[in-house]
C-alpha atoms as a PDB file:
ATOM      1  CA  MET A   1      -0.336   0.149  -0.078  1.00  0.00           C
ATOM      2  CA  GLY A   2       1.334   3.736  -0.787  1.00  0.00           C
ATOM      3  CA  TYR A   3       2.503   6.004   1.225  1.00  0.00           C
ATOM      4  CA  ASN A   4      -0.763   7.971   2.485  1.00  0.00           C
ATOM      5  CA  GLN A   5      -3.328   5.861   0.869  1.00  0.00           C
ATOM      6  CA  PRO A   6      -6.034   4.880   3.887  1.00  0.00           C
ATOM      7  CA  MET A   7      -5.398   1.559   5.870  1.00  0.00           C
ATOM      8  CA  ILE A   8      -7.476   0.056   8.191  1.00  0.00           C
ATOM      9  CA  TYR A   9      -6.359  -0.212  11.912  1.00  0.00           C
ATOM     10  CA  HIS A  10      -7.814  -2.945  14.279  1.00  0.00           C
ATOM     11  CA  PRO A  11      -8.014  -2.015  18.429  1.00  0.00           C
ATOM     12  CA  GLU A  12      -5.434  -3.590  20.629  1.00  0.00           C
ATOM     13  CA  LEU A  13      -7.144  -5.425  22.853  1.00  0.00           C
ATOM     14  CA  TYR A  14      -4.847  -5.585  25.318  1.00  0.00           C
ATOM     15  CA  TYR A  15      -5.680  -2.553  26.080  1.00  0.00           C
ATOM     16  CA  LEU A  16      -8.957  -2.277  25.610  1.00  0.00           C
ATOM     17  CA  GLN A  17      -9.664  -5.770  27.239  1.00  0.00           C
ATOM     18  CA  ASP A  18      -7.334  -7.269  29.380  1.00  0.00           C
ATOM     19  CA  SER A  19      -6.144  -4.028  31.377  1.00  0.00           C
ATOM     20  CA  PRO A  20      -8.339  -3.035  33.846  1.00  0.00           C
ATOM     21  CA  ASP A  21      -6.513   0.091  34.552  1.00  0.00           C
ATOM     22  CA  PHE A  22      -6.430   0.940  31.216  1.00  0.00           C
ATOM     23  CA  PRO A  23      -8.054   4.592  31.037  1.00  0.00           C
ATOM     24  CA  LEU A  24     -10.424   3.231  28.031  1.00  0.00           C
ATOM     25  CA  ASP A  25     -12.686   6.509  27.954  1.00  0.00           C
ATOM     26  CA  LYS A  26      -9.983   9.197  27.350  1.00  0.00           C
ATOM     27  CA  ALA A  27      -8.133   6.727  24.750  1.00  0.00           C
ATOM     28  CA  PHE A  28     -11.905   6.928  23.169  1.00  0.00           C
ATOM     29  CA  LEU A  29     -12.288  10.651  23.185  1.00  0.00           C
ATOM     30  CA  VAL A  30      -8.683  11.098  22.114  1.00  0.00           C
ATOM     31  CA  THR A  31      -8.848   9.078  19.545  1.00  0.00           C
ATOM     32  CA  ALA A  32     -12.591  10.711  18.516  1.00  0.00           C
ATOM     33  CA  LYS A  33     -11.220  14.088  18.883  1.00  0.00           C
ATOM     34  CA  THR A  34      -7.797  13.540  16.535  1.00  0.00           C
ATOM     35  CA  VAL A  35     -10.076  11.552  13.934  1.00  0.00           C
ATOM     36  CA  SER A  36     -12.636  14.445  13.972  1.00  0.00           C
ATOM     37  CA  ALA A  37     -10.551  16.587  12.487  1.00  0.00           C
ATOM     38  CA  TRP A  38     -10.355  14.694   9.211  1.00  0.00           C
ATOM     39  CA  SER A  39     -13.973  13.714   9.025  1.00  0.00           C
ATOM     40  CA  LYS A  40     -17.125  15.557   7.593  1.00  0.00           C
ATOM     41  CA  ASP A  41     -19.812  14.248   9.692  1.00  0.00           C
ATOM     42  CA  TYR A  42     -20.659  11.483  12.520  1.00  0.00           C
ATOM     43  CA  PHE A  43     -23.487   9.327  13.348  1.00  0.00           C
ATOM     44  CA  ALA A  44     -24.228   8.247  17.359  1.00  0.00           C
ATOM     45  CA  GLY A  45     -26.385   6.049  18.497  1.00  0.00           C
ATOM     46  CA  LEU A  46     -27.817   3.968  21.255  1.00  0.00           C
ATOM     47  CA  VAL A  47     -27.562   0.033  20.814  1.00  0.00           C
ATOM     48  CA  ALA A  48     -29.101  -0.610  24.134  1.00  0.00           C
ATOM     49  CA  PRO A  49     -30.810   2.507  25.351  1.00  0.00           C
ATOM     50  CA  LYS A  50     -31.639   2.797  28.911  1.00  0.00           C
ATOM     51  CA  LYS A  51     -35.714   2.241  29.252  1.00  0.00           C
ATOM     52  CA  GLY A  52     -37.565   5.381  28.357  1.00  0.00           C
ATOM     53  CA  THR A  53     -34.538   7.105  25.939  1.00  0.00           C
ATOM     54  CA  LYS A  54     -36.332   8.851  23.203  1.00  0.00           C
ATOM     55  CA  ASP A  55     -33.494   9.797  21.057  1.00  0.00           C
ATOM     56  CA  LYS A  56     -31.708   6.188  19.709  1.00  0.00           C
ATOM     57  CA  SER A  57     -29.470   8.231  17.484  1.00  0.00           C
ATOM     58  CA  ARG A  58     -27.483  11.520  16.597  1.00  0.00           C
ATOM     59  CA  SER A  59     -26.198  12.915  13.383  1.00  0.00           C
ATOM     60  CA  GLY A  60     -25.237  15.582  11.475  1.00  0.00           C
ATOM     61  CA  ASP A  61     -22.361  17.752   9.564  1.00  0.00           C
ATOM     62  CA  LEU A  62     -18.899  18.445  12.369  1.00  0.00           C
ATOM     63  CA  PRO A  63     -18.055  21.498  12.980  1.00  0.00           C
ATOM     64  CA  LYS A  64     -15.403  23.528  11.062  1.00  0.00           C
ATOM     65  CA  ASP A  65     -14.218  24.497  14.319  1.00  0.00           C
ATOM     66  CA  LYS A  66     -11.588  22.720  16.456  1.00  0.00           C
ATOM     67  CA  ASN A  67     -13.239  23.888  19.510  1.00  0.00           C
ATOM     68  CA  GLU A  68     -16.606  23.009  18.999  1.00  0.00           C
ATOM     69  CA  ARG A  69     -16.102  19.495  16.859  1.00  0.00           C
ATOM     70  CA  GLU A  70     -14.198  18.548  20.093  1.00  0.00           C
ATOM     71  CA  GLU A  71     -17.093  19.693  22.097  1.00  0.00           C
ATOM     72  CA  LEU A  72     -19.364  17.505  19.983  1.00  0.00           C
ATOM     73  CA  ILE A  73     -17.554  14.957  20.500  1.00  0.00           C
ATOM     74  CA  GLU A  74     -17.204  15.005  24.182  1.00  0.00           C
ATOM     75  CA  ASP A  75     -21.041  15.980  24.436  1.00  0.00           C
ATOM     76  CA  LEU A  76     -21.890  12.836  22.221  1.00  0.00           C
ATOM     77  CA  TYR A  77     -20.003  10.629  24.364  1.00  0.00           C
ATOM     78  CA  GLY A  78     -21.393  12.082  27.348  1.00  0.00           C
ATOM     79  CA  TRP A  79     -25.569  11.438  25.944  1.00  0.00           C
ATOM     80  CA  ILE A  80     -24.474   7.431  25.085  1.00  0.00           C
ATOM     81  CA  LYS A  81     -23.219   7.003  28.438  1.00  0.00           C
ATOM     82  CA  GLU A  82     -25.750   8.685  29.874  1.00  0.00           C
ATOM     83  CA  ASN A  83     -28.594   7.105  27.393  1.00  0.00           C
ATOM     84  CA  SER A  84     -27.051   3.164  27.444  1.00  0.00           C
ATOM     85  CA  ASP A  85     -27.972   0.410  29.218  1.00  0.00           C
ATOM     86  CA  VAL A  86     -24.521  -1.237  28.800  1.00  0.00           C
ATOM     87  CA  PRO A  87     -22.616   1.695  28.138  1.00  0.00           C
ATOM     88  CA  ASP A  88     -19.520  -0.222  26.387  1.00  0.00           C
ATOM     89  CA  LEU A  89     -22.604  -0.990  23.436  1.00  0.00           C
ATOM     90  CA  PHE A  90     -22.876   1.674  20.950  1.00  0.00           C
ATOM     91  CA  ALA A  91     -22.353   3.512  17.624  1.00  0.00           C
ATOM     92  CA  MET A  92     -20.290   5.846  16.852  1.00  0.00           C
ATOM     93  CA  PHE A  93     -19.063   7.077  13.035  1.00  0.00           C
ATOM     94  CA  LEU A  94     -16.834   9.870  11.787  1.00  0.00           C
ATOM     95  CA  TYR A  95     -17.250  10.110   8.175  1.00  0.00           C
ATOM     96  CA  GLY A  96     -14.424  11.122   5.968  1.00  0.00           C
ATOM     97  CA  ASP A  97     -15.143  12.733   3.204  1.00  0.00           C
ATOM     98  CA  PRO A  98     -15.789  11.288   0.280  1.00  0.00           C
ATOM     99  CA  ARG A  99     -17.506   8.597   2.476  1.00  0.00           C
ATOM    100  CA  ARG A 100     -16.290   4.882   1.445  1.00  0.00           C
ATOM    101  CA  SER A 101     -16.346   3.314  -1.799  1.00  0.00           C
ATOM    102  CA  ARG A 102     -16.134  -0.003  -0.998  1.00  0.00           C
ATOM    103  CA  PRO A 103     -18.129  -1.825   1.400  1.00  0.00           C
ATOM    104  CA  ASP A 104     -15.643  -4.358   3.343  1.00  0.00           C
ATOM    105  CA  GLU A 105     -14.059  -0.760   4.120  1.00  0.00           C
ATOM    106  CA  CYS A 106     -14.761   1.102   7.372  1.00  0.00           C
ATOM    107  CA  GLU A 107     -15.279   4.692   7.891  1.00  0.00           C
ATOM    108  CA  LYS A 108     -12.465   6.893   9.397  1.00  0.00           C
ATOM    109  CA  PHE A 109     -14.185   6.229  12.820  1.00  0.00           C
ATOM    110  CA  ASP A 110     -16.183   2.865  12.813  1.00  0.00           C
ATOM    111  CA  HIS A 111     -17.352   1.301  16.156  1.00  0.00           C
ATOM    112  CA  HIS A 112     -20.289  -0.045  15.222  1.00  0.00           C
ATOM    113  CA  ASP A 113     -20.804  -2.318  18.620  1.00  0.00           C
ATOM    114  CA  THR A 114     -18.339  -2.849  21.024  1.00  0.00           C
ATOM    115  CA  THR A 115     -14.642  -1.865  21.621  1.00  0.00           C
ATOM    116  CA  SER A 116     -13.827  -4.699  19.993  1.00  0.00           C
ATOM    117  CA  CYS A 117     -15.966  -3.579  16.954  1.00  0.00           C
ATOM    118  CA  TRP A 118     -13.921  -0.791  16.691  1.00  0.00           C
ATOM    119  CA  ALA A 119     -12.015   0.316  13.517  1.00  0.00           C
ATOM    120  CA  LEU A 120     -10.236   3.534  11.930  1.00  0.00           C
ATOM    121  CA  ASN A 121     -10.045   3.978   8.345  1.00  0.00           C
ATOM    122  CA  LEU A 122      -6.701   6.620   8.139  1.00  0.00           C
ATOM    123  CA  THR A 123      -3.667   7.322   5.973  1.00  0.00           C
ATOM    124  CA  ASP A 124      -0.560   6.858   7.301  1.00  0.00           C
ATOM    125  CA  THR A 125      -0.001  10.653   7.761  1.00  0.00           C
ATOM    126  CA  GLU A 126      -2.896  10.247   9.728  1.00  0.00           C
ATOM    127  CA  PHE A 127      -2.395   7.680  11.875  1.00  0.00           C
ATOM    128  CA  ALA A 128       1.227   9.430  13.059  1.00  0.00           C
ATOM    129  CA  SER A 129      -0.902  12.396  13.852  1.00  0.00           C
ATOM    130  CA  LEU A 130      -2.940  10.159  16.335  1.00  0.00           C
ATOM    131  CA  GLN A 131       0.170   8.103  17.666  1.00  0.00           C
ATOM    132  CA  LYS A 132       1.526  11.686  18.587  1.00  0.00           C
ATOM    133  CA  ALA A 133      -2.046  13.160  20.244  1.00  0.00           C
ATOM    134  CA  TRP A 134      -2.094   9.514  22.274  1.00  0.00           C
ATOM    135  CA  GLN A 135       1.361  10.276  23.538  1.00  0.00           C
ATOM    136  CA  GLU A 136       0.674  13.262  24.446  1.00  0.00           C
ATOM    137  CA  ASN A 137      -2.139  12.365  26.501  1.00  0.00           C
ATOM    138  CA  ASP A 138       0.087   9.608  28.093  1.00  0.00           C
ATOM    139  CA  LEU A 139      -1.715   6.824  26.407  1.00  0.00           C
ATOM    140  CA  PRO A 140       0.473   4.310  24.457  1.00  0.00           C
ATOM    141  CA  ASN A 141       1.033   5.015  20.867  1.00  0.00           C
ATOM    142  CA  ASP A 142       0.017   1.281  19.872  1.00  0.00           C
ATOM    143  CA  ILE A 143      -3.829   1.533  21.061  1.00  0.00           C
ATOM    144  CA  PHE A 144      -4.583   0.318  17.327  1.00  0.00           C
ATOM    145  CA  PHE A 145      -2.755  -1.604  14.689  1.00  0.00           C
ATOM    146  CA  PRO A 146      -2.299  -2.377  11.171  1.00  0.00           C
ATOM    147  CA  ARG A 147      -5.241  -4.868   9.991  1.00  0.00           C
ATOM    148  CA  ASP A 148      -2.592  -6.781   8.245  1.00  0.00           C
ATOM    149  CA  LYS A 149      -0.255  -7.134  11.519  1.00  0.00           C
ATOM    150  CA  SER A 150      -2.882  -9.611  13.359  1.00  0.00           C
ATOM    151  CA  ILE A 151      -1.511 -13.152  13.918  1.00  0.00           C
ATOM    152  CA  GLN A 152      -3.393 -16.177  12.717  1.00  0.00           C
ATOM    153  CA  LYS A 153      -2.560 -19.486  14.780  1.00  0.00           C
ATOM    154  CA  GLY A 154      -5.459 -22.624  13.706  1.00  0.00           C
ATOM    155  CA  ILE A 155      -8.855 -20.625  13.475  1.00  0.00           C
ATOM    156  CA  ARG A 156      -7.674 -17.691  16.454  1.00  0.00           C
ATOM    157  CA  TYR A 157      -6.149 -14.640  16.136  1.00  0.00           C
ATOM    158  CA  TYR A 158      -4.261 -12.642  17.997  1.00  0.00           C
ATOM    159  CA  THR A 159      -3.124  -8.951  17.931  1.00  0.00           C
ATOM    160  CA  PRO A 160       0.080  -8.131  18.319  1.00  0.00           C
ATOM    161  CA  LYS A 161       0.296  -7.279  22.027  1.00  0.00           C
ATOM    162  CA  ASP A 162      -1.514 -10.128  22.698  1.00  0.00           C
ATOM    163  CA  TRP A 163       0.426 -12.226  20.617  1.00  0.00           C
ATOM    164  CA  GLU A 164       3.808 -10.473  22.712  1.00  0.00           C
ATOM    165  CA  MET A 165       2.281 -11.201  26.201  1.00  0.00           C
ATOM    166  CA  ARG A 166       1.162 -14.719  24.947  1.00  0.00           C
ATOM    167  CA  ASN A 167       4.889 -15.691  24.364  1.00  0.00           C
ATOM    168  CA  LYS A 168       6.359 -14.446  27.480  1.00  0.00           C
END
């Protein structure tokens, strides 16, 4: 794949599932805010809404102003957490411009279920900027990894960090 062609990145499940002290909310917000800079519009939806919740989704254009855009991301995440019976089960998409052209690819920011069903579709330059944002926020720079770096052994797939920890 050529430099700056979009690539799919998957979440490093070691952090998201196997590290109870990992600051998932912080990682989610840093990631979403950073990716929002390269996105045009959004969709947020409740997969398991609390009983009586009227609005089950929100969507629209992202503000051009960085502070307004980041505030919207925080508001959407707060709305999801406040209105979900299962706070880690939700949908949030940040769409690039143009939107994906192939149905087997994901959006810029694609969280369609749980944290294990989360993917990013970024260029090398965008991913390097995201890694910098993680580091600036005291987060590991390998929260996501290129999809082609998963390791398959038999019918099981391992993330790079899971494989590393398994072999220690």
